[in-house]
Amino acid sequence: MNSSSKDFGGERVSYRLPQPFYFDGGSVGVVLLHAYTGSANDVRMMGRFLEKNQLAVSAPQFAGHATADPTEILTRGSVDAWWADTVAAIEQLSAANKQPLFVFGLSLGGLFAMRALEELPQVCGGGIFSAPVLEGPTAKLTPLFGQYANRIMQLMGVPAAQQTARLATINQQLPQQLASIDIFSRQVVADLKQIGDKPVFIGQGGQDQVIDPTQAQVLHQQLTQQNITVDYHWYPQAGHVITVDSAHHQLETDVLEFINRFKK
């Protein structure tokens, strides 16, 4: 991570921003996509695990994320921008002749992973971890975004007046962005049949605090009804950010087994 600093009211504040990563561990390519308000750090442990198992792993950061200003997610980020980030990461691996290609995503990243399975022929398989594919963004995201913004601004030493202005931006723009994510998720669901013969991994924690965990099983059923191969994993004690909590070791092993089973 890069070290940076910013001057707030004469006081110099140092901080470290998460960075995207590319681990060139082998000939098979894997793209890992992070969560809403998250960063590549969400999937860094999985990336290192897969690299050690001779896989090439790319984890981009969605536009507006992992900056010193949480409102940039709303002002710089959008569904279109994040889809472009996803495509660029996949094309990066494709240009490096990494084949076959898999794409997985945590939460919001899972929506874009599913879209890649539907839309991009160079992707041969992939899946989701704790992703709100069927329900779209939930009402819980509004207070969670506020908590995230307050934490970042306090960490950065942002003056109270600037905090107030940024929170006003969030209150004004967040509902519109969540609505656009909801529209995108509904389009992903409408096009599930386009996945065709590509296998889909579903990983879901039973203690998810952000989305309804039972929706993962419903998605599993919908996919299998369309003759799509599904590798479904339920982690009863895991929370929402399953890639970093107590289940992450098992999740990493399951993802590796999935890749080894379906790589061609």
C-alpha atoms as a PDB file:
ATOM      1  CA  MET A   1       0.000   0.000   0.000  1.00  0.00           C
ATOM      2  CA  ASN A   2       1.191   3.516  -0.790  1.00  0.00           C
ATOM      3  CA  SER A   3       1.780   6.007   2.006  1.00  0.00           C
ATOM      4  CA  SER A   4       0.151   9.399   1.573  1.00  0.00           C
ATOM      5  CA  SER A   5      -0.573  12.477   3.621  1.00  0.00           C
ATOM      6  CA  LYS A   6      -2.929  15.416   3.502  1.00  0.00           C
ATOM      7  CA  ASP A   7      -3.055  18.740   5.282  1.00  0.00           C
ATOM      8  CA  PHE A   8      -6.274  19.310   7.262  1.00  0.00           C
ATOM      9  CA  GLY A   9      -6.356  22.645   9.069  1.00  0.00           C
ATOM     10  CA  GLY A  10      -2.591  22.802   9.418  1.00  0.00           C
ATOM     11  CA  GLU A  11      -2.318  19.255  10.781  1.00  0.00           C
ATOM     12  CA  ARG A  12      -0.555  16.737   8.572  1.00  0.00           C
ATOM     13  CA  VAL A  13      -2.319  13.336   8.538  1.00  0.00           C
ATOM     14  CA  SER A  14      -0.561  10.233   7.216  1.00  0.00           C
ATOM     15  CA  TYR A  15      -2.474   7.209   5.974  1.00  0.00           C
ATOM     16  CA  ARG A  16      -2.138   4.166   3.774  1.00  0.00           C
ATOM     17  CA  LEU A  17      -4.496   3.513   0.899  1.00  0.00           C
ATOM     18  CA  PRO A  18      -5.172  -0.023  -0.328  1.00  0.00           C
ATOM     19  CA  GLN A  19      -3.812  -0.822  -3.771  1.00  0.00           C
ATOM     20  CA  PRO A  20      -5.006  -3.133  -6.546  1.00  0.00           C
ATOM     21  CA  PHE A  21      -2.794  -6.134  -7.145  1.00  0.00           C
ATOM     22  CA  TYR A  22      -1.643  -8.539  -9.809  1.00  0.00           C
ATOM     23  CA  PHE A  23       0.084 -11.763  -8.728  1.00  0.00           C
ATOM     24  CA  ASP A  24       1.545 -13.635 -11.682  1.00  0.00           C
ATOM     25  CA  GLY A  25       1.605 -17.150 -10.287  1.00  0.00           C
ATOM     26  CA  GLY A  26       0.842 -19.265 -13.343  1.00  0.00           C
ATOM     27  CA  SER A  27      -0.939 -19.711 -16.648  1.00  0.00           C
ATOM     28  CA  VAL A  28      -4.535 -19.871 -15.378  1.00  0.00           C
ATOM     29  CA  GLY A  29      -6.117 -16.450 -14.735  1.00  0.00           C
ATOM     30  CA  VAL A  30      -8.391 -15.377 -11.891  1.00  0.00           C
ATOM     31  CA  VAL A  31     -10.040 -11.976 -11.378  1.00  0.00           C
ATOM     32  CA  LEU A  32     -11.203 -11.143  -7.835  1.00  0.00           C
ATOM     33  CA  LEU A  33     -13.662  -8.265  -7.331  1.00  0.00           C
ATOM     34  CA  HIS A  34     -14.184  -6.513  -4.004  1.00  0.00           C
ATOM     35  CA  ALA A  35     -17.254  -5.280  -2.136  1.00  0.00           C
ATOM     36  CA  TYR A  36     -19.099  -1.965  -2.039  1.00  0.00           C
ATOM     37  CA  THR A  37     -17.078   0.538   0.064  1.00  0.00           C
ATOM     38  CA  GLY A  38     -14.332  -2.109   0.054  1.00  0.00           C
ATOM     39  CA  SER A  39     -11.006  -2.477  -1.698  1.00  0.00           C
ATOM     40  CA  ALA A  40      -8.662  -5.074  -3.123  1.00  0.00           C
ATOM     41  CA  ASN A  41      -7.747  -5.843   0.493  1.00  0.00           C
ATOM     42  CA  ASP A  42     -11.087  -7.688   0.705  1.00  0.00           C
ATOM     43  CA  VAL A  43      -9.628 -10.408  -1.515  1.00  0.00           C
ATOM     44  CA  ARG A  44      -5.882 -10.068  -0.938  1.00  0.00           C
ATOM     45  CA  MET A  45      -5.592 -13.175   1.264  1.00  0.00           C
ATOM     46  CA  MET A  46      -7.392 -15.248  -1.336  1.00  0.00           C
ATOM     47  CA  GLY A  47      -5.168 -13.758  -4.018  1.00  0.00           C
ATOM     48  CA  ARG A  48      -2.016 -14.794  -2.176  1.00  0.00           C
ATOM     49  CA  PHE A  49      -3.411 -18.286  -1.590  1.00  0.00           C
ATOM     50  CA  LEU A  50      -4.229 -18.748  -5.263  1.00  0.00           C
ATOM     51  CA  GLU A  51      -0.851 -17.345  -6.315  1.00  0.00           C
ATOM     52  CA  LYS A  52       0.879 -19.927  -4.106  1.00  0.00           C
ATOM     53  CA  ASN A  53      -1.108 -22.546  -5.975  1.00  0.00           C
ATOM     54  CA  GLN A  54       0.284 -21.449  -9.350  1.00  0.00           C
ATOM     55  CA  LEU A  55      -2.514 -19.141 -10.504  1.00  0.00           C
ATOM     56  CA  ALA A  56      -2.331 -15.602 -11.908  1.00  0.00           C
ATOM     57  CA  VAL A  57      -4.605 -13.291  -9.929  1.00  0.00           C
ATOM     58  CA  SER A  58      -5.778  -9.756 -10.697  1.00  0.00           C
ATOM     59  CA  ALA A  59      -7.775  -7.663  -8.232  1.00  0.00           C
ATOM     60  CA  PRO A  60      -8.746  -4.208  -9.506  1.00  0.00           C
ATOM     61  CA  GLN A  61     -10.267  -1.476  -7.397  1.00  0.00           C
ATOM     62  CA  PHE A  62     -13.611  -0.076  -8.439  1.00  0.00           C
ATOM     63  CA  ALA A  63     -13.668   3.593  -9.401  1.00  0.00           C
ATOM     64  CA  GLY A  64     -14.050   5.896  -6.396  1.00  0.00           C
ATOM     65  CA  HIS A  65     -13.069   3.222  -3.874  1.00  0.00           C
ATOM     66  CA  ALA A  66     -10.074   3.099  -1.513  1.00  0.00           C
ATOM     67  CA  THR A  67      -9.525   6.862  -1.453  1.00  0.00           C
ATOM     68  CA  ALA A  68      -9.244   9.382   1.373  1.00  0.00           C
ATOM     69  CA  ASP A  69     -12.682  10.799   0.478  1.00  0.00           C
ATOM     70  CA  PRO A  70     -15.600   8.351   0.840  1.00  0.00           C
ATOM     71  CA  THR A  71     -17.877  10.527  -1.299  1.00  0.00           C
ATOM     72  CA  GLU A  72     -15.764   9.622  -4.345  1.00  0.00           C
ATOM     73  CA  ILE A  73     -17.609   6.300  -4.490  1.00  0.00           C
ATOM     74  CA  LEU A  74     -20.682   8.363  -5.354  1.00  0.00           C
ATOM     75  CA  THR A  75     -19.087  11.105  -7.457  1.00  0.00           C
ATOM     76  CA  ARG A  76     -16.574   8.991  -9.420  1.00  0.00           C
ATOM     77  CA  GLY A  77     -18.151   5.573  -9.149  1.00  0.00           C
ATOM     78  CA  SER A  78     -21.077   4.142 -11.110  1.00  0.00           C
ATOM     79  CA  VAL A  79     -22.335   0.827 -12.417  1.00  0.00           C
ATOM     80  CA  ASP A  80     -20.900   1.647 -15.843  1.00  0.00           C
ATOM     81  CA  ALA A  81     -17.500   2.587 -14.395  1.00  0.00           C
ATOM     82  CA  TRP A  82     -17.340  -0.577 -12.283  1.00  0.00           C
ATOM     83  CA  TRP A  83     -18.294  -2.753 -15.235  1.00  0.00           C
ATOM     84  CA  ALA A  84     -15.487  -1.099 -17.208  1.00  0.00           C
ATOM     85  CA  ASP A  85     -13.105  -1.893 -14.332  1.00  0.00           C
ATOM     86  CA  THR A  86     -14.215  -5.529 -14.448  1.00  0.00           C
ATOM     87  CA  VAL A  87     -13.759  -5.819 -18.205  1.00  0.00           C
ATOM     88  CA  ALA A  88     -10.337  -4.148 -18.031  1.00  0.00           C
ATOM     89  CA  ALA A  89      -9.098  -6.646 -15.412  1.00  0.00           C
ATOM     90  CA  ILE A  90     -10.305  -9.571 -17.501  1.00  0.00           C
ATOM     91  CA  GLU A  91      -8.736  -8.127 -20.645  1.00  0.00           C
ATOM     92  CA  GLN A  92      -5.460  -7.608 -18.754  1.00  0.00           C
ATOM     93  CA  LEU A  93      -5.258 -11.327 -18.013  1.00  0.00           C
ATOM     94  CA  SER A  94      -6.426 -12.261 -21.481  1.00  0.00           C
ATOM     95  CA  ALA A  95      -3.725 -10.070 -23.036  1.00  0.00           C
ATOM     96  CA  ALA A  96      -1.173 -11.859 -20.841  1.00  0.00           C
ATOM     97  CA  ASN A  97      -2.386 -15.174 -22.311  1.00  0.00           C
ATOM     98  CA  LYS A  98      -3.793 -16.396 -19.012  1.00  0.00           C
ATOM     99  CA  GLN A  99      -6.186 -19.182 -19.896  1.00  0.00           C
ATOM    100  CA  PRO A 100      -8.662 -20.358 -18.834  1.00  0.00           C
ATOM    101  CA  LEU A 101     -10.081 -17.298 -17.061  1.00  0.00           C
ATOM    102  CA  PHE A 102     -12.232 -17.292 -13.933  1.00  0.00           C
ATOM    103  CA  VAL A 103     -13.889 -14.353 -12.191  1.00  0.00           C
ATOM    104  CA  PHE A 104     -15.213 -14.198  -8.620  1.00  0.00           C
ATOM    105  CA  GLY A 105     -16.677 -11.337  -6.625  1.00  0.00           C
ATOM    106  CA  LEU A 106     -17.523 -10.440  -3.034  1.00  0.00           C
ATOM    107  CA  SER A 107     -20.897  -8.744  -2.450  1.00  0.00           C
ATOM    108  CA  LEU A 108     -21.163  -5.960  -5.074  1.00  0.00           C
ATOM    109  CA  GLY A 109     -18.229  -7.565  -6.888  1.00  0.00           C
ATOM    110  CA  GLY A 110     -20.320 -10.696  -7.220  1.00  0.00           C
ATOM    111  CA  LEU A 111     -22.857  -8.871  -9.360  1.00  0.00           C
ATOM    112  CA  PHE A 112     -20.131  -7.935 -11.826  1.00  0.00           C
ATOM    113  CA  ALA A 113     -18.669 -11.440 -11.716  1.00  0.00           C
ATOM    114  CA  MET A 114     -22.069 -12.841 -12.687  1.00  0.00           C
ATOM    115  CA  ARG A 115     -22.388 -10.279 -15.467  1.00  0.00           C
ATOM    116  CA  ALA A 116     -18.981 -11.305 -16.782  1.00  0.00           C
ATOM    117  CA  LEU A 117     -20.128 -14.933 -16.846  1.00  0.00           C
ATOM    118  CA  GLU A 118     -23.146 -13.853 -18.883  1.00  0.00           C
ATOM    119  CA  GLU A 119     -21.440 -11.438 -21.246  1.00  0.00           C
ATOM    120  CA  LEU A 120     -17.774 -12.287 -21.777  1.00  0.00           C
ATOM    121  CA  PRO A 121     -16.871 -15.394 -23.790  1.00  0.00           C
ATOM    122  CA  GLN A 122     -13.262 -15.460 -22.546  1.00  0.00           C
ATOM    123  CA  VAL A 123     -14.516 -16.185 -18.995  1.00  0.00           C
ATOM    124  CA  CYS A 124     -14.999 -19.928 -18.480  1.00  0.00           C
ATOM    125  CA  GLY A 125     -16.362 -19.937 -14.919  1.00  0.00           C
ATOM    126  CA  GLY A 126     -16.539 -18.097 -11.617  1.00  0.00           C
ATOM    127  CA  GLY A 127     -18.970 -17.038  -8.979  1.00  0.00           C
ATOM    128  CA  ILE A 128     -19.980 -15.076  -5.934  1.00  0.00           C
ATOM    129  CA  PHE A 129     -19.310 -14.677  -2.232  1.00  0.00           C
ATOM    130  CA  SER A 130     -22.115 -13.060  -0.197  1.00  0.00           C
ATOM    131  CA  ALA A 131     -23.556 -11.304  -3.231  1.00  0.00           C
ATOM    132  CA  PRO A 132     -27.057  -9.749  -3.315  1.00  0.00           C
ATOM    133  CA  VAL A 133     -27.838 -11.070  -6.783  1.00  0.00           C
ATOM    134  CA  LEU A 134     -31.556 -11.669  -6.197  1.00  0.00           C
ATOM    135  CA  GLU A 135     -32.367  -8.954  -3.695  1.00  0.00           C
ATOM    136  CA  GLY A 136     -30.174  -6.128  -4.942  1.00  0.00           C
ATOM    137  CA  PRO A 137     -28.730  -3.583  -2.484  1.00  0.00           C
ATOM    138  CA  THR A 138     -30.539  -3.658   0.833  1.00  0.00           C
ATOM    139  CA  ALA A 139     -31.742  -0.883   3.130  1.00  0.00           C
ATOM    140  CA  LYS A 140     -28.886  -1.833   5.466  1.00  0.00           C
ATOM    141  CA  LEU A 141     -26.379  -0.302   3.050  1.00  0.00           C
ATOM    142  CA  THR A 142     -27.467   3.266   3.818  1.00  0.00           C
ATOM    143  CA  PRO A 143     -26.435   3.250   7.503  1.00  0.00           C
ATOM    144  CA  LEU A 144     -23.424   1.057   6.693  1.00  0.00           C
ATOM    145  CA  PHE A 145     -22.200   3.605   4.137  1.00  0.00           C
ATOM    146  CA  GLY A 146     -22.621   6.358   6.715  1.00  0.00           C
ATOM    147  CA  GLN A 147     -20.591   4.387   9.257  1.00  0.00           C
ATOM    148  CA  TYR A 148     -17.901   3.737   6.658  1.00  0.00           C
ATOM    149  CA  ALA A 149     -17.752   7.430   5.712  1.00  0.00           C
ATOM    150  CA  ASN A 150     -17.520   8.579   9.328  1.00  0.00           C
ATOM    151  CA  ARG A 151     -14.731   6.096  10.036  1.00  0.00           C
ATOM    152  CA  ILE A 152     -12.682   7.228   7.037  1.00  0.00           C
ATOM    153  CA  MET A 153     -13.184  10.925   7.747  1.00  0.00           C
ATOM    154  CA  GLN A 154     -12.196  10.528  11.389  1.00  0.00           C
ATOM    155  CA  LEU A 155      -9.138   8.532  10.348  1.00  0.00           C
ATOM    156  CA  MET A 156      -8.181  11.256   7.884  1.00  0.00           C
ATOM    157  CA  GLY A 157      -8.744  14.036  10.421  1.00  0.00           C
ATOM    158  CA  VAL A 158     -11.318  15.783   8.230  1.00  0.00           C
ATOM    159  CA  PRO A 159     -12.576  19.023   9.896  1.00  0.00           C
ATOM    160  CA  ALA A 160     -16.156  18.984  11.161  1.00  0.00           C
ATOM    161  CA  ALA A 161     -17.418  21.411   8.514  1.00  0.00           C
ATOM    162  CA  GLN A 162     -16.064  19.230   5.712  1.00  0.00           C
ATOM    163  CA  GLN A 163     -17.541  16.148   7.350  1.00  0.00           C
ATOM    164  CA  THR A 164     -20.953  17.802   7.376  1.00  0.00           C
ATOM    165  CA  ALA A 165     -20.666  18.747   3.698  1.00  0.00           C
ATOM    166  CA  ARG A 166     -19.577  15.267   2.696  1.00  0.00           C
ATOM    167  CA  LEU A 167     -22.378  13.624   4.651  1.00  0.00           C
ATOM    168  CA  ALA A 168     -24.829  15.908   2.843  1.00  0.00           C
ATOM    169  CA  THR A 169     -23.406  14.689  -0.486  1.00  0.00           C
ATOM    170  CA  ILE A 170     -23.831  11.101   0.676  1.00  0.00           C
ATOM    171  CA  ASN A 171     -27.433  11.627   1.762  1.00  0.00           C
ATOM    172  CA  GLN A 172     -28.226  13.239  -1.585  1.00  0.00           C
ATOM    173  CA  GLN A 173     -26.461  10.828  -3.950  1.00  0.00           C
ATOM    174  CA  LEU A 174     -26.428   7.446  -2.206  1.00  0.00           C
ATOM    175  CA  PRO A 175     -30.100   6.576  -2.889  1.00  0.00           C
ATOM    176  CA  GLN A 176     -29.622   7.190  -6.608  1.00  0.00           C
ATOM    177  CA  GLN A 177     -26.530   4.986  -6.744  1.00  0.00           C
ATOM    178  CA  LEU A 178     -28.203   2.170  -4.803  1.00  0.00           C
ATOM    179  CA  ALA A 179     -31.147   2.379  -7.214  1.00  0.00           C
ATOM    180  CA  SER A 180     -28.805   2.010 -10.182  1.00  0.00           C
ATOM    181  CA  ILE A 181     -27.181  -1.041  -8.563  1.00  0.00           C
ATOM    182  CA  ASP A 182     -30.653  -2.499  -8.048  1.00  0.00           C
ATOM    183  CA  ILE A 183     -31.467  -2.041 -11.737  1.00  0.00           C
ATOM    184  CA  PHE A 184     -28.178  -3.703 -12.651  1.00  0.00           C
ATOM    185  CA  SER A 185     -28.815  -6.671 -10.347  1.00  0.00           C
ATOM    186  CA  ARG A 186     -32.257  -7.194 -11.880  1.00  0.00           C
ATOM    187  CA  GLN A 187     -30.698  -7.259 -15.343  1.00  0.00           C
ATOM    188  CA  VAL A 188     -28.166  -9.827 -14.157  1.00  0.00           C
ATOM    189  CA  VAL A 189     -31.000 -12.037 -12.887  1.00  0.00           C
ATOM    190  CA  ALA A 190     -32.972 -11.610 -16.110  1.00  0.00           C
ATOM    191  CA  ASP A 191     -29.974 -12.851 -18.132  1.00  0.00           C
ATOM    192  CA  LEU A 192     -28.909 -15.816 -15.986  1.00  0.00           C
ATOM    193  CA  LYS A 193     -29.685 -18.212 -18.825  1.00  0.00           C
ATOM    194  CA  GLN A 194     -26.842 -16.602 -20.803  1.00  0.00           C
ATOM    195  CA  ILE A 195     -24.328 -18.260 -18.461  1.00  0.00           C
ATOM    196  CA  GLY A 196     -24.926 -21.434 -20.442  1.00  0.00           C
ATOM    197  CA  ASP A 197     -22.455 -24.220 -19.703  1.00  0.00           C
ATOM    198  CA  LYS A 198     -20.154 -22.138 -17.479  1.00  0.00           C
ATOM    199  CA  PRO A 199     -19.951 -23.442 -13.883  1.00  0.00           C
ATOM    200  CA  VAL A 200     -20.948 -21.099 -11.058  1.00  0.00           C
ATOM    201  CA  PHE A 201     -19.505 -21.062  -7.529  1.00  0.00           C
ATOM    202  CA  ILE A 202     -21.749 -19.788  -4.711  1.00  0.00           C
ATOM    203  CA  GLY A 203     -20.281 -19.157  -1.263  1.00  0.00           C
ATOM    204  CA  GLN A 204     -22.539 -17.838   1.494  1.00  0.00           C
ATOM    205  CA  GLY A 205     -22.155 -17.283   5.227  1.00  0.00           C
ATOM    206  CA  GLY A 206     -24.988 -18.209   7.544  1.00  0.00           C
ATOM    207  CA  GLN A 207     -24.380 -15.186   9.799  1.00  0.00           C
ATOM    208  CA  ASP A 208     -24.454 -12.573   7.033  1.00  0.00           C
ATOM    209  CA  GLN A 209     -25.426  -9.223   8.569  1.00  0.00           C
ATOM    210  CA  VAL A 210     -25.951  -7.331   5.296  1.00  0.00           C
ATOM    211  CA  ILE A 211     -27.949  -9.572   2.948  1.00  0.00           C
ATOM    212  CA  ASP A 212     -30.476 -12.356   3.447  1.00  0.00           C
ATOM    213  CA  PRO A 213     -28.286 -15.473   3.428  1.00  0.00           C
ATOM    214  CA  THR A 214     -31.144 -17.730   2.349  1.00  0.00           C
ATOM    215  CA  GLN A 215     -31.192 -15.995  -1.052  1.00  0.00           C
ATOM    216  CA  ALA A 216     -28.031 -17.902  -1.997  1.00  0.00           C
ATOM    217  CA  GLN A 217     -29.947 -21.173  -1.886  1.00  0.00           C
ATOM    218  CA  VAL A 218     -32.763 -19.650  -3.956  1.00  0.00           C
ATOM    219  CA  LEU A 219     -30.217 -18.526  -6.560  1.00  0.00           C
ATOM    220  CA  HIS A 220     -28.733 -22.030  -6.512  1.00  0.00           C
ATOM    221  CA  GLN A 221     -32.163 -23.460  -7.321  1.00  0.00           C
ATOM    222  CA  GLN A 222     -32.816 -20.939 -10.092  1.00  0.00           C
ATOM    223  CA  LEU A 223     -29.502 -21.723 -11.757  1.00  0.00           C
ATOM    224  CA  THR A 224     -29.891 -25.490 -11.559  1.00  0.00           C
ATOM    225  CA  GLN A 225     -33.402 -25.218 -13.010  1.00  0.00           C
ATOM    226  CA  GLN A 226     -31.740 -23.694 -16.068  1.00  0.00           C
ATOM    227  CA  ASN A 227     -29.270 -26.616 -16.230  1.00  0.00           C
ATOM    228  CA  ILE A 228     -26.376 -24.453 -15.068  1.00  0.00           C
ATOM    229  CA  THR A 229     -23.720 -26.289 -13.065  1.00  0.00           C
ATOM    230  CA  VAL A 230     -23.512 -24.899  -9.524  1.00  0.00           C
ATOM    231  CA  ASP A 231     -20.929 -25.545  -6.808  1.00  0.00           C
ATOM    232  CA  TYR A 232     -22.755 -24.374  -3.674  1.00  0.00           C
ATOM    233  CA  HIS A 233     -21.042 -23.831  -0.309  1.00  0.00           C
ATOM    234  CA  TRP A 234     -22.693 -22.813   2.965  1.00  0.00           C
ATOM    235  CA  TYR A 235     -20.483 -21.570   5.802  1.00  0.00           C
ATOM    236  CA  PRO A 236     -22.765 -21.535   8.855  1.00  0.00           C
ATOM    237  CA  GLN A 237     -20.613 -19.346  11.121  1.00  0.00           C
ATOM    238  CA  ALA A 238     -19.390 -16.884   8.482  1.00  0.00           C
ATOM    239  CA  GLY A 239     -20.503 -13.267   8.217  1.00  0.00           C
ATOM    240  CA  HIS A 240     -20.815 -11.028   5.169  1.00  0.00           C
ATOM    241  CA  VAL A 241     -17.149 -10.388   4.379  1.00  0.00           C
ATOM    242  CA  ILE A 242     -16.491 -14.097   4.102  1.00  0.00           C
ATOM    243  CA  THR A 243     -13.115 -13.605   2.404  1.00  0.00           C
ATOM    244  CA  VAL A 244     -11.520 -12.296   5.602  1.00  0.00           C
ATOM    245  CA  ASP A 245     -13.484 -13.857   8.467  1.00  0.00           C
ATOM    246  CA  SER A 246     -13.062 -17.223  10.183  1.00  0.00           C
ATOM    247  CA  ALA A 247     -14.251 -19.181   7.124  1.00  0.00           C
ATOM    248  CA  HIS A 248     -11.728 -17.686   4.704  1.00  0.00           C
ATOM    249  CA  HIS A 249      -9.358 -20.670   4.770  1.00  0.00           C
ATOM    250  CA  GLN A 250     -12.137 -23.090   3.830  1.00  0.00           C
ATOM    251  CA  LEU A 251     -13.468 -20.690   1.213  1.00  0.00           C
ATOM    252  CA  GLU A 252     -10.032 -20.396  -0.383  1.00  0.00           C
ATOM    253  CA  THR A 253      -9.675 -24.183  -0.509  1.00  0.00           C
ATOM    254  CA  ASP A 254     -13.143 -24.566  -2.017  1.00  0.00           C
ATOM    255  CA  VAL A 255     -12.444 -21.934  -4.688  1.00  0.00           C
ATOM    256  CA  LEU A 256      -9.163 -23.616  -5.614  1.00  0.00           C
ATOM    257  CA  GLU A 257     -10.889 -26.994  -5.921  1.00  0.00           C
ATOM    258  CA  PHE A 258     -13.543 -25.394  -8.114  1.00  0.00           C
ATOM    259  CA  ILE A 259     -10.914 -23.888 -10.425  1.00  0.00           C
ATOM    260  CA  ASN A 260      -8.965 -27.140 -10.656  1.00  0.00           C
ATOM    261  CA  ARG A 261     -12.124 -29.095 -11.392  1.00  0.00           C
ATOM    262  CA  PHE A 262     -13.333 -26.849 -14.199  1.00  0.00           C
ATOM    263  CA  LYS A 263     -10.198 -25.520 -15.847  1.00  0.00           C
ATOM    264  CA  LYS A 264      -9.872 -26.896 -19.360  1.00  0.00           C
END
